[in-house]
């Protein structure tokens, strides 16, 4: 008499024997927390909050969402700085050199041949900004930063893109 029936097999069960079906308790109660923790690790590795990474705000409060958005912005600004330093600076150098060589430079670039980096470093990219999460409070904060001399109008405007 068989003590176990494997999947995909046909076995005869003698009359009078009792068959007990197993109950599958998988993935169990621990599966959802396990997946959520795994997804949180993935979102942290990407520099995004869990809620934004998976577009799931069911467990988020306004404060945690706002805090996550601020952290994401810092991460995005790091990515933008990297792109500006490693890629855009090369494009600027190429553009300035081509404009100079073709005679289309808008001004005379005195000393460019001996110190081209001086002109390349004048480039300051302006990346797209972010919408305010709490416009009234953020506008008040921006005004206070400007009034106290901790930020410039140009810098504050650049944050908005």
N, C-alpha and C. Protein backbone atom coordinates (compact mmCIF):
# COMPACT_ATOMS: atom_id res chain seq x y z
N UNK A 1 0.84 -1.16 0.00
CA UNK A 1 0.00 0.00 0.00
C UNK A 1 0.90 1.25 0.00
N UNK A 2 0.63 2.22 -0.91
CA UNK A 2 1.46 3.41 -0.98
C UNK A 2 1.18 4.34 0.20
N UNK A 3 2.24 4.96 0.70
CA UNK A 3 2.07 5.91 1.81
C UNK A 3 2.05 7.35 1.31
N UNK A 4 2.40 7.50 0.04
CA UNK A 4 2.43 8.84 -0.54
C UNK A 4 2.09 8.73 -2.02
N UNK A 5 1.34 9.68 -2.52
CA UNK A 5 1.01 9.72 -3.94
C UNK A 5 1.72 10.94 -4.52
N UNK A 6 2.59 10.71 -5.46
CA UNK A 6 3.34 11.80 -6.09
C UNK A 6 2.55 12.42 -7.23
N UNK A 7 2.85 13.65 -7.52
CA UNK A 7 2.17 14.35 -8.61
C UNK A 7 2.49 13.69 -9.94
N UNK A 8 1.48 13.57 -10.78
CA UNK A 8 1.66 13.04 -12.12
C UNK A 8 1.68 11.52 -12.20
N UNK A 9 1.41 10.85 -11.12
CA UNK A 9 1.41 9.37 -11.16
C UNK A 9 0.00 8.86 -10.90
N UNK A 10 -0.24 7.68 -11.41
CA UNK A 10 -1.53 7.02 -11.18
C UNK A 10 -1.24 5.76 -10.38
N UNK A 11 -1.86 5.67 -9.24
CA UNK A 11 -1.65 4.50 -8.38
C UNK A 11 -3.01 3.96 -7.96
N UNK A 12 -3.05 2.68 -7.87
CA UNK A 12 -4.26 2.03 -7.37
C UNK A 12 -4.23 2.03 -5.85
N UNK A 13 -5.37 2.35 -5.29
CA UNK A 13 -5.49 2.35 -3.83
C UNK A 13 -6.45 1.22 -3.50
N UNK A 14 -5.97 0.27 -2.70
CA UNK A 14 -6.84 -0.86 -2.37
C UNK A 14 -8.09 -0.40 -1.64
N UNK A 15 -9.17 -1.12 -1.84
CA UNK A 15 -10.42 -0.82 -1.15
C UNK A 15 -10.23 -0.87 0.35
N UNK A 16 -10.92 0.05 1.01
CA UNK A 16 -10.88 0.08 2.47
C UNK A 16 -9.81 1.01 3.02
N UNK A 17 -8.91 1.48 2.17
CA UNK A 17 -7.88 2.43 2.65
C UNK A 17 -8.44 3.83 2.65
N UNK A 18 -7.95 4.62 3.56
CA UNK A 18 -8.43 5.98 3.69
C UNK A 18 -7.37 6.93 3.09
N UNK A 19 -7.84 7.94 2.34
CA UNK A 19 -6.95 8.93 1.73
C UNK A 19 -7.13 10.25 2.47
N UNK A 20 -6.04 10.82 2.90
CA UNK A 20 -6.06 12.11 3.58
C UNK A 20 -5.39 13.13 2.67
N UNK A 21 -6.11 14.21 2.39
CA UNK A 21 -5.56 15.27 1.53
C UNK A 21 -4.77 16.25 2.39
N UNK A 22 -3.65 16.65 1.86
CA UNK A 22 -2.86 17.64 2.60
C UNK A 22 -3.40 19.04 2.30
N UNK A 23 -3.18 19.92 3.23
CA UNK A 23 -3.59 21.31 3.02
C UNK A 23 -2.32 22.14 2.80
N UNK A 24 -2.29 22.84 1.70
CA UNK A 24 -1.13 23.67 1.39
C UNK A 24 -1.20 24.96 2.20
N UNK A 25 -0.23 25.16 3.04
CA UNK A 25 -0.21 26.37 3.84
C UNK A 25 0.87 27.33 3.34
N UNK A 26 1.19 27.20 2.09
CA UNK A 26 2.20 28.09 1.51
C UNK A 26 1.51 29.09 0.61
N UNK A 27 1.94 30.24 0.48
CA UNK A 27 3.16 30.80 1.03
C UNK A 27 3.04 31.17 2.50
N UNK A 28 1.90 31.10 3.09
CA UNK A 28 1.76 31.34 4.52
C UNK A 28 1.62 32.81 4.87
N UNK A 29 1.57 33.07 6.16
CA UNK A 29 1.36 34.43 6.65
C UNK A 29 2.62 35.29 6.54
N UNK A 30 3.77 34.66 6.35
CA UNK A 30 5.02 35.41 6.29
C UNK A 30 5.37 35.89 4.89
N UNK A 31 4.63 35.48 3.89
CA UNK A 31 4.99 35.80 2.51
C UNK A 31 4.88 37.29 2.21
N UNK A 32 3.76 37.91 2.55
CA UNK A 32 3.58 39.33 2.24
C UNK A 32 4.62 40.21 2.93
N UNK A 33 4.90 40.02 4.24
CA UNK A 33 5.97 40.82 4.86
C UNK A 33 7.33 40.57 4.22
N UNK A 34 7.60 39.33 3.81
CA UNK A 34 8.87 39.02 3.16
C UNK A 34 9.00 39.77 1.84
N UNK A 35 7.95 39.73 1.02
CA UNK A 35 7.98 40.42 -0.27
C UNK A 35 8.11 41.94 -0.06
N UNK A 36 7.37 42.47 0.90
CA UNK A 36 7.42 43.90 1.17
C UNK A 36 8.83 44.34 1.58
N UNK A 37 9.48 43.54 2.44
CA UNK A 37 10.85 43.86 2.85
C UNK A 37 11.81 43.77 1.66
N UNK A 38 11.62 42.80 0.81
CA UNK A 38 12.46 42.67 -0.38
C UNK A 38 12.28 43.87 -1.30
N UNK A 39 11.05 44.29 -1.48
CA UNK A 39 10.78 45.44 -2.35
C UNK A 39 11.31 46.73 -1.73
N UNK A 40 11.27 46.83 -0.42
CA UNK A 40 11.85 48.00 0.25
C UNK A 40 13.36 48.08 -0.01
N UNK A 41 14.03 46.93 0.03
CA UNK A 41 15.47 46.92 -0.24
C UNK A 41 15.75 47.36 -1.68
N UNK A 42 14.92 46.91 -2.61
CA UNK A 42 15.10 47.32 -4.01
C UNK A 42 14.89 48.82 -4.16
N UNK A 43 13.86 49.35 -3.53
CA UNK A 43 13.60 50.78 -3.66
C UNK A 43 14.71 51.60 -3.02
N UNK A 44 15.25 51.13 -1.89
CA UNK A 44 16.35 51.85 -1.25
C UNK A 44 17.58 51.85 -2.15
N UNK A 45 17.83 50.75 -2.81
CA UNK A 45 18.97 50.68 -3.72
C UNK A 45 18.84 51.61 -4.91
N UNK A 46 17.62 51.94 -5.27
CA UNK A 46 17.39 52.84 -6.40
C UNK A 46 17.36 54.30 -5.97
N UNK A 47 17.33 54.54 -4.65
CA UNK A 47 17.27 55.91 -4.15
C UNK A 47 15.87 56.48 -4.13
N UNK A 48 14.88 55.62 -4.18
CA UNK A 48 13.49 56.08 -4.16
C UNK A 48 12.79 55.51 -2.94
N UNK A 49 11.75 56.18 -2.52
CA UNK A 49 10.94 55.65 -1.42
C UNK A 49 10.15 54.45 -1.93
N UNK A 50 9.79 53.58 -1.01
CA UNK A 50 9.01 52.39 -1.37
C UNK A 50 7.71 52.79 -2.05
N UNK A 51 7.06 53.81 -1.49
CA UNK A 51 5.76 54.22 -2.02
C UNK A 51 5.86 54.71 -3.46
N UNK A 52 6.89 55.50 -3.76
CA UNK A 52 7.05 56.02 -5.12
C UNK A 52 7.53 54.93 -6.07
N UNK A 53 8.43 54.08 -5.60
CA UNK A 53 9.01 53.04 -6.45
C UNK A 53 7.94 52.08 -6.95
N UNK A 54 7.01 51.73 -6.07
CA UNK A 54 5.96 50.78 -6.44
C UNK A 54 4.58 51.41 -6.56
N UNK A 55 4.55 52.75 -6.49
CA UNK A 55 3.29 53.47 -6.63
C UNK A 55 2.21 52.88 -5.71
N UNK A 56 2.60 52.69 -4.45
CA UNK A 56 1.72 52.09 -3.46
C UNK A 56 1.75 52.96 -2.22
N UNK A 57 0.75 53.78 -2.05
CA UNK A 57 0.69 54.72 -0.92
C UNK A 57 -0.33 54.28 0.14
N UNK A 58 -0.70 53.01 0.14
CA UNK A 58 -1.75 52.55 1.04
C UNK A 58 -1.37 52.67 2.51
N UNK A 59 -0.10 52.47 2.85
CA UNK A 59 0.33 52.52 4.24
C UNK A 59 1.06 53.81 4.59
N UNK A 60 1.06 54.78 3.69
CA UNK A 60 1.86 55.99 3.89
C UNK A 60 1.03 57.14 4.45
N UNK A 61 1.65 57.89 5.34
CA UNK A 61 1.03 59.11 5.83
C UNK A 61 1.56 60.28 5.00
N UNK A 62 0.96 61.44 5.16
CA UNK A 62 1.43 62.62 4.43
C UNK A 62 2.88 62.93 4.81
N UNK A 63 3.17 62.85 6.11
CA UNK A 63 4.52 63.19 6.59
C UNK A 63 5.57 62.23 6.02
N UNK A 64 5.26 60.94 6.01
CA UNK A 64 6.24 59.98 5.48
C UNK A 64 6.41 60.14 3.98
N UNK A 65 5.32 60.45 3.28
CA UNK A 65 5.41 60.66 1.83
C UNK A 65 6.24 61.91 1.53
N UNK A 66 6.02 62.97 2.29
CA UNK A 66 6.77 64.21 2.10
C UNK A 66 8.25 63.99 2.40
N UNK A 67 8.54 63.30 3.49
CA UNK A 67 9.92 63.00 3.85
C UNK A 67 10.59 62.15 2.77
N UNK A 68 9.86 61.16 2.26
CA UNK A 68 10.40 60.32 1.18
C UNK A 68 10.67 61.12 -0.08
N UNK A 69 9.78 62.08 -0.39
CA UNK A 69 9.97 62.91 -1.58
C UNK A 69 11.22 63.77 -1.45
N UNK A 70 11.48 64.29 -0.26
CA UNK A 70 12.68 65.09 -0.05
C UNK A 70 13.94 64.24 -0.19
N UNK A 71 13.92 63.03 0.34
CA UNK A 71 15.07 62.14 0.19
C UNK A 71 15.30 61.77 -1.27
N UNK A 72 14.20 61.52 -1.99
CA UNK A 72 14.32 61.19 -3.42
C UNK A 72 14.95 62.34 -4.19
N UNK A 73 14.56 63.55 -3.86
CA UNK A 73 15.11 64.71 -4.55
C UNK A 73 16.62 64.79 -4.37
N UNK A 74 17.09 64.50 -3.16
CA UNK A 74 18.53 64.49 -2.93
C UNK A 74 19.22 63.44 -3.79
N UNK A 75 18.60 62.28 -3.89
CA UNK A 75 19.15 61.22 -4.72
C UNK A 75 19.17 61.63 -6.18
N UNK A 76 18.07 62.21 -6.65
CA UNK A 76 17.99 62.65 -8.04
C UNK A 76 19.02 63.75 -8.32
N UNK A 77 19.21 64.65 -7.36
CA UNK A 77 20.20 65.71 -7.55
C UNK A 77 21.60 65.13 -7.68
N UNK A 78 21.88 64.07 -6.94
CA UNK A 78 23.16 63.38 -7.08
C UNK A 78 23.33 62.79 -8.46
N UNK A 79 22.28 62.17 -8.97
CA UNK A 79 22.33 61.62 -10.33
C UNK A 79 22.53 62.73 -11.35
N UNK A 80 21.83 63.84 -11.16
CA UNK A 80 21.94 64.95 -12.09
C UNK A 80 23.35 65.53 -12.07
N UNK A 81 23.94 65.67 -10.91
CA UNK A 81 25.31 66.19 -10.81
C UNK A 81 26.29 65.26 -11.51
N UNK A 82 26.09 63.98 -11.34
CA UNK A 82 26.95 63.00 -12.01
C UNK A 82 26.85 63.13 -13.53
N UNK A 83 25.62 63.24 -14.03
CA UNK A 83 25.41 63.39 -15.47
C UNK A 83 26.05 64.68 -15.97
N UNK A 84 25.88 65.77 -15.22
CA UNK A 84 26.45 67.06 -15.63
C UNK A 84 27.97 66.98 -15.68
N UNK A 85 28.55 66.35 -14.67
CA UNK A 85 30.02 66.30 -14.59
C UNK A 85 30.61 65.36 -15.64
N UNK A 86 30.01 64.20 -15.81
CA UNK A 86 30.60 63.18 -16.68
C UNK A 86 30.20 63.30 -18.14
N UNK A 87 29.01 63.79 -18.43
CA UNK A 87 28.54 63.80 -19.81
C UNK A 87 28.31 65.20 -20.37
N UNK A 88 27.54 66.00 -19.66
CA UNK A 88 27.20 67.32 -20.20
C UNK A 88 28.42 68.22 -20.35
N UNK A 89 29.40 68.06 -19.45
CA UNK A 89 30.61 68.88 -19.57
C UNK A 89 31.34 68.59 -20.88
N UNK A 90 31.31 67.35 -21.34
CA UNK A 90 31.93 66.98 -22.62
C UNK A 90 31.19 67.63 -23.78
N UNK A 91 29.87 67.65 -23.70
CA UNK A 91 29.06 68.26 -24.75
C UNK A 91 29.32 69.76 -24.80
N UNK A 92 29.42 70.40 -23.64
CA UNK A 92 29.68 71.83 -23.58
C UNK A 92 31.04 72.14 -24.20
N UNK A 93 32.06 71.36 -23.84
CA UNK A 93 33.40 71.58 -24.41
C UNK A 93 33.36 71.44 -25.93
N UNK A 94 32.70 70.41 -26.40
CA UNK A 94 32.59 70.21 -27.85
C UNK A 94 31.85 71.38 -28.50
N UNK A 95 30.77 71.81 -27.91
CA UNK A 95 29.95 72.89 -28.46
C UNK A 95 30.74 74.20 -28.53
N UNK A 96 31.44 74.53 -27.45
CA UNK A 96 32.20 75.78 -27.41
C UNK A 96 33.32 75.74 -28.45
N UNK A 97 34.01 74.62 -28.53
CA UNK A 97 35.09 74.50 -29.50
C UNK A 97 34.57 74.61 -30.94
N UNK A 98 33.46 73.96 -31.21
CA UNK A 98 32.89 74.02 -32.57
C UNK A 98 32.43 75.44 -32.90
N UNK A 99 31.82 76.12 -31.93
CA UNK A 99 31.38 77.50 -32.17
C UNK A 99 32.57 78.41 -32.42
N UNK A 100 33.62 78.20 -31.68
CA UNK A 100 34.83 79.02 -31.84
C UNK A 100 35.49 78.76 -33.20
N UNK A 101 35.64 77.50 -33.55
CA UNK A 101 36.29 77.14 -34.81
C UNK A 101 35.49 77.56 -36.04
N UNK A 102 34.18 77.55 -35.92
CA UNK A 102 33.33 77.92 -37.06
C UNK A 102 33.07 79.42 -37.14
N UNK A 103 33.54 80.16 -36.14
CA UNK A 103 33.33 81.60 -36.13
C UNK A 103 31.96 82.00 -35.64
N UNK A 104 31.24 81.10 -35.01
CA UNK A 104 29.89 81.38 -34.52
C UNK A 104 29.84 81.67 -33.02
N UNK A 105 30.99 81.76 -32.38
CA UNK A 105 31.00 82.07 -30.95
C UNK A 105 30.41 83.46 -30.75
N UNK A 106 29.50 83.64 -29.78
CA UNK A 106 28.84 84.93 -29.60
C UNK A 106 29.76 86.03 -29.07
N UNK A 107 30.92 85.65 -28.58
CA UNK A 107 31.86 86.62 -28.05
C UNK A 107 33.27 86.13 -28.30
N UNK A 108 34.22 87.02 -28.18
CA UNK A 108 35.62 86.65 -28.35
C UNK A 108 36.07 85.92 -27.09
N UNK A 109 36.49 84.70 -27.21
CA UNK A 109 36.89 83.90 -26.06
C UNK A 109 38.40 84.07 -25.85
N UNK A 110 38.76 85.16 -25.18
CA UNK A 110 40.16 85.50 -24.97
C UNK A 110 40.83 84.44 -24.11
N UNK A 111 41.94 83.93 -24.56
CA UNK A 111 42.70 82.93 -23.81
C UNK A 111 42.13 81.53 -23.86
N UNK A 112 41.20 81.27 -24.76
CA UNK A 112 40.58 79.94 -24.81
C UNK A 112 41.59 78.86 -25.15
N UNK A 113 42.51 79.17 -26.05
CA UNK A 113 43.49 78.17 -26.48
C UNK A 113 44.37 77.71 -25.31
N UNK A 114 44.71 78.63 -24.42
CA UNK A 114 45.60 78.26 -23.30
C UNK A 114 44.82 77.77 -22.07
N UNK A 115 43.62 78.25 -21.87
CA UNK A 115 42.82 77.86 -20.70
C UNK A 115 41.37 77.55 -21.08
N UNK A 116 41.12 76.47 -21.82
CA UNK A 116 39.74 76.18 -22.23
C UNK A 116 38.83 75.82 -21.05
N UNK A 117 39.41 75.24 -19.99
CA UNK A 117 38.59 74.82 -18.85
C UNK A 117 37.93 76.00 -18.16
N UNK A 118 38.56 77.16 -18.22
CA UNK A 118 37.98 78.36 -17.62
C UNK A 118 36.61 78.65 -18.22
N UNK A 119 36.47 78.45 -19.52
CA UNK A 119 35.20 78.70 -20.19
C UNK A 119 34.23 77.53 -20.01
N UNK A 120 34.77 76.32 -19.98
CA UNK A 120 33.90 75.15 -19.81
C UNK A 120 33.25 75.14 -18.43
N UNK A 121 33.95 75.64 -17.43
CA UNK A 121 33.43 75.63 -16.06
C UNK A 121 32.35 76.69 -15.84
N UNK A 122 32.18 77.58 -16.80
CA UNK A 122 31.12 78.59 -16.68
C UNK A 122 29.74 77.98 -16.93
N UNK A 123 29.74 76.81 -17.50
CA UNK A 123 28.49 76.12 -17.78
C UNK A 123 27.83 75.66 -16.48
N UNK A 124 26.59 76.01 -16.30
CA UNK A 124 25.81 75.57 -15.14
C UNK A 124 24.48 75.03 -15.63
N UNK A 125 24.32 73.70 -15.62
CA UNK A 125 23.07 73.14 -16.12
C UNK A 125 21.89 73.46 -15.22
N UNK A 126 20.73 73.59 -15.80
CA UNK A 126 19.49 73.75 -15.04
C UNK A 126 18.60 72.56 -15.41
N UNK A 127 18.44 71.68 -14.46
CA UNK A 127 17.64 70.49 -14.68
C UNK A 127 16.18 70.78 -14.33
N UNK A 128 15.28 69.94 -14.80
CA UNK A 128 13.87 70.14 -14.43
C UNK A 128 13.71 70.13 -12.91
N UNK A 129 12.87 70.99 -12.43
CA UNK A 129 12.63 71.07 -10.99
C UNK A 129 11.52 70.15 -10.56
N UNK A 130 11.10 70.33 -9.31
CA UNK A 130 10.05 69.51 -8.75
C UNK A 130 8.88 70.39 -8.34
N UNK A 131 7.72 69.83 -8.44
CA UNK A 131 6.53 70.53 -7.98
C UNK A 131 6.55 70.57 -6.46
N UNK A 132 5.97 71.61 -5.92
CA UNK A 132 5.88 71.71 -4.47
C UNK A 132 4.87 70.70 -3.96
N UNK A 133 5.22 70.11 -2.82
CA UNK A 133 4.29 69.18 -2.17
C UNK A 133 3.30 69.96 -1.32
N UNK A 134 3.80 70.97 -0.64
CA UNK A 134 2.98 71.82 0.20
C UNK A 134 3.30 73.27 -0.20
N UNK A 135 2.68 73.78 -1.27
CA UNK A 135 3.08 75.05 -1.87
C UNK A 135 3.16 76.22 -0.90
N UNK A 136 2.18 76.39 -0.04
CA UNK A 136 2.17 77.55 0.86
C UNK A 136 3.38 77.53 1.79
N UNK A 137 3.60 76.41 2.46
CA UNK A 137 4.71 76.32 3.41
C UNK A 137 6.06 76.39 2.70
N UNK A 138 6.16 75.78 1.53
CA UNK A 138 7.43 75.82 0.81
C UNK A 138 7.72 77.21 0.27
N UNK A 139 6.68 77.95 -0.14
CA UNK A 139 6.88 79.33 -0.60
C UNK A 139 7.34 80.22 0.55
N UNK A 140 6.76 80.02 1.72
CA UNK A 140 7.17 80.79 2.90
C UNK A 140 8.63 80.46 3.24
N UNK A 141 8.98 79.20 3.19
CA UNK A 141 10.36 78.79 3.49
C UNK A 141 11.33 79.39 2.49
N UNK A 142 10.97 79.39 1.20
CA UNK A 142 11.83 79.96 0.16
C UNK A 142 12.01 81.46 0.40
N UNK A 143 10.93 82.15 0.76
CA UNK A 143 11.00 83.58 1.03
C UNK A 143 11.93 83.87 2.21
N UNK A 144 11.82 83.07 3.26
CA UNK A 144 12.68 83.25 4.43
C UNK A 144 14.14 82.99 4.09
N UNK A 145 14.40 81.95 3.28
CA UNK A 145 15.78 81.68 2.87
C UNK A 145 16.36 82.86 2.10
N UNK A 146 15.56 83.43 1.21
CA UNK A 146 16.02 84.57 0.41
C UNK A 146 16.24 85.80 1.30
N UNK A 147 15.29 86.08 2.18
CA UNK A 147 15.40 87.26 3.06
C UNK A 147 16.60 87.18 3.99
N UNK A 148 16.94 85.97 4.42
CA UNK A 148 18.07 85.78 5.33
C UNK A 148 19.40 85.68 4.58
N UNK A 149 19.34 85.73 3.26
CA UNK A 149 20.57 85.65 2.47
C UNK A 149 21.14 84.26 2.35
N UNK A 150 20.34 83.26 2.66
CA UNK A 150 20.81 81.87 2.58
C UNK A 150 20.58 81.25 1.21
N UNK A 151 19.84 81.96 0.36
CA UNK A 151 19.57 81.49 -1.00
C UNK A 151 19.40 82.70 -1.90
N UNK A 152 19.67 82.49 -3.17
CA UNK A 152 19.48 83.56 -4.15
C UNK A 152 18.18 83.32 -4.90
N UNK A 153 17.67 84.36 -5.51
CA UNK A 153 16.45 84.19 -6.33
C UNK A 153 16.72 83.22 -7.47
N UNK A 154 17.92 83.34 -8.07
CA UNK A 154 18.28 82.45 -9.17
C UNK A 154 18.31 81.00 -8.71
N UNK A 155 18.91 80.76 -7.54
CA UNK A 155 18.99 79.41 -7.01
C UNK A 155 17.62 78.84 -6.68
N UNK A 156 16.77 79.68 -6.09
CA UNK A 156 15.41 79.23 -5.76
C UNK A 156 14.61 78.95 -7.02
N UNK A 157 14.77 79.79 -8.03
CA UNK A 157 14.07 79.56 -9.29
C UNK A 157 14.59 78.31 -9.98
N UNK A 158 15.89 78.08 -9.90
CA UNK A 158 16.47 76.88 -10.53
C UNK A 158 15.95 75.61 -9.89
N UNK A 159 15.65 75.65 -8.59
CA UNK A 159 15.08 74.47 -7.94
C UNK A 159 13.73 74.09 -8.53
N UNK A 160 13.02 75.06 -9.05
CA UNK A 160 11.73 74.80 -9.68
C UNK A 160 11.89 74.42 -11.14
N UNK A 161 13.12 74.49 -11.66
CA UNK A 161 13.38 74.11 -13.05
C UNK A 161 13.31 75.31 -13.92
